[in-house]
Amino acid sequence: MPRVRRGHHKVERRKRILKLAEGYFGAKHHLYRSAKEQVERSLNFAFAGRKVKKLDYRRLWIIRINALCHQNDISYSRFMDGLKKAKIELDRKVLAQMAVSDPATFASLVTRAKQALA
């Protein structure tokens, strides 16, 4: 069986890791082992960050909806319950955009939710 030389693949893998490590401080951007550890750690943080971003946006939407709900004399939870009972299926993103850009329409949704709760 012939001998397999792996130099090219090894060099390409090292170049890819060092390319990802550009901009890191100290040895982390030019020593392979340090760069590999830091790139792996960074990619893990990036993966987790994409999940956290979704949660952060959901929190922001809920805060915006809650603010307008309280201006219209209803709590957030009762408003959401009223929307479900009125069979209005709008997600929090759309409700938050509506709360910011069109408060009059949001107020009409609040009245519909209050009617469904009564």
Protein backbone atom coordinates (compact mmCIF):
# COMPACT_ATOMS: atom_id res chain seq x y z
CA MET A 1 0.00 0.00 0.00
CA PRO A 2 1.45 3.39 -0.94
CA ARG A 3 2.25 5.98 1.67
CA VAL A 4 -0.28 8.81 2.00
CA ARG A 5 1.20 12.27 2.37
CA ARG A 6 -1.17 14.65 4.17
CA GLY A 7 0.86 17.85 4.16
CA HIS A 8 -1.41 19.82 1.85
CA HIS A 9 -4.58 19.07 3.85
CA LYS A 10 -2.81 19.88 7.09
CA VAL A 11 -1.62 23.22 5.73
CA GLU A 12 -5.09 24.08 4.41
CA ARG A 13 -6.69 23.26 7.78
CA ARG A 14 -4.13 25.44 9.59
CA LYS A 15 -4.68 28.30 7.14
CA ARG A 16 -8.44 28.08 7.62
CA ILE A 17 -8.13 28.25 11.41
CA LEU A 18 -5.63 31.11 11.30
CA LYS A 19 -7.87 32.99 8.85
CA LEU A 20 -10.76 32.69 11.33
CA ALA A 21 -8.46 33.94 14.10
CA GLU A 22 -7.59 37.22 12.36
CA GLY A 23 -7.95 40.15 14.72
CA TYR A 24 -7.50 38.17 17.92
CA PHE A 25 -5.07 39.58 20.49
CA GLY A 26 -1.58 38.25 21.12
CA ALA A 27 -0.66 34.66 20.32
CA LYS A 28 -4.27 33.78 19.58
CA HIS A 29 -4.02 35.07 16.03
CA HIS A 30 -0.73 33.59 14.91
CA LEU A 31 0.07 30.47 16.98
CA TYR A 32 -1.92 27.53 15.67
CA ARG A 33 -2.74 25.79 18.95
CA SER A 34 -3.84 28.98 20.71
CA ALA A 35 -5.76 30.08 17.63
CA LYS A 36 -7.51 26.73 17.34
CA GLU A 37 -8.64 26.83 20.97
CA GLN A 38 -9.85 30.40 20.68
CA VAL A 39 -11.64 29.86 17.36
CA GLU A 40 -13.46 26.84 18.77
CA ARG A 41 -14.46 28.85 21.84
CA SER A 42 -15.54 31.80 19.69
CA LEU A 43 -17.66 29.61 17.44
CA ASN A 44 -19.38 28.14 20.49
CA PHE A 45 -20.15 31.64 21.77
CA ALA A 46 -21.44 32.64 18.33
CA PHE A 47 -23.75 29.60 18.25
CA ALA A 48 -25.12 30.40 21.70
CA GLY A 49 -25.39 34.08 20.81
CA ARG A 50 -27.68 33.35 17.89
CA LYS A 51 -30.05 31.63 20.32
CA VAL A 52 -29.81 34.44 22.88
CA LYS A 53 -30.55 37.04 20.19
CA LYS A 54 -33.95 35.44 19.57
CA LEU A 55 -34.74 35.58 23.30
CA ASP A 56 -33.62 39.22 23.50
CA TYR A 57 -35.88 40.25 20.65
CA ARG A 58 -38.82 38.42 22.22
CA ARG A 59 -38.18 40.27 25.51
CA LEU A 60 -38.04 43.60 23.66
CA TRP A 61 -41.33 42.90 21.87
CA ILE A 62 -43.04 41.97 25.13
CA ILE A 63 -41.78 45.17 26.81
CA ARG A 64 -43.13 47.30 23.95
CA ILE A 65 -46.50 45.55 23.92
CA ASN A 66 -46.73 45.77 27.71
CA ALA A 67 -46.06 49.53 27.65
CA LEU A 68 -48.96 50.21 25.29
CA CYS A 69 -51.21 47.76 27.10
CA HIS A 70 -50.75 49.71 30.33
CA GLN A 71 -51.50 52.96 28.50
CA ASN A 72 -54.79 51.34 27.46
CA ASP A 73 -55.59 50.08 31.01
CA ILE A 74 -55.03 46.35 30.54
CA SER A 75 -52.22 44.06 31.63
CA TYR A 76 -50.06 42.26 29.09
CA SER A 77 -51.22 38.79 30.12
CA ARG A 78 -54.93 39.72 30.00
CA PHE A 79 -54.37 41.36 26.60
CA MET A 80 -52.73 38.24 25.17
CA ASP A 81 -55.48 36.07 26.67
CA GLY A 82 -58.10 38.36 25.14
CA LEU A 83 -56.48 38.13 21.71
CA LYS A 84 -56.51 34.33 21.90
CA LYS A 85 -60.16 34.30 22.92
CA ALA A 86 -61.01 36.75 20.12
CA LYS A 87 -59.18 34.41 17.70
CA ILE A 88 -56.76 37.13 16.63
CA GLU A 89 -53.55 35.34 15.73
CA LEU A 90 -50.85 37.99 15.60
CA ASP A 91 -47.38 37.21 16.88
CA ARG A 92 -45.47 39.41 19.30
CA LYS A 93 -43.21 40.81 16.59
CA VAL A 94 -46.15 42.17 14.59
CA LEU A 95 -47.88 43.45 17.72
CA ALA A 96 -44.72 45.28 18.80
CA GLN A 97 -44.31 46.88 15.35
CA MET A 98 -47.95 47.92 15.49
CA ALA A 99 -47.49 49.35 18.98
CA VAL A 100 -44.59 51.52 17.81
CA SER A 101 -45.82 52.60 14.38
CA ASP A 102 -49.62 52.61 14.70
CA PRO A 103 -50.91 53.04 18.29
CA ALA A 104 -54.49 53.68 17.11
CA THR A 105 -54.77 50.24 15.53
CA PHE A 106 -53.19 48.73 18.63
CA ALA A 107 -55.83 50.47 20.76
CA SER A 108 -58.57 48.91 18.62
CA LEU A 109 -56.97 45.49 19.22
CA VAL A 110 -57.04 46.22 22.95
CA THR A 111 -60.76 46.98 22.81
CA ARG A 112 -61.38 43.74 20.86
CA ALA A 113 -59.39 41.83 23.49
CA LYS A 114 -61.36 43.46 26.32
CA GLN A 115 -64.65 42.54 24.62
CA ALA A 116 -63.51 38.91 24.25
CA LEU A 117 -62.64 38.77 27.94
CA ALA A 118 -65.99 40.20 29.05
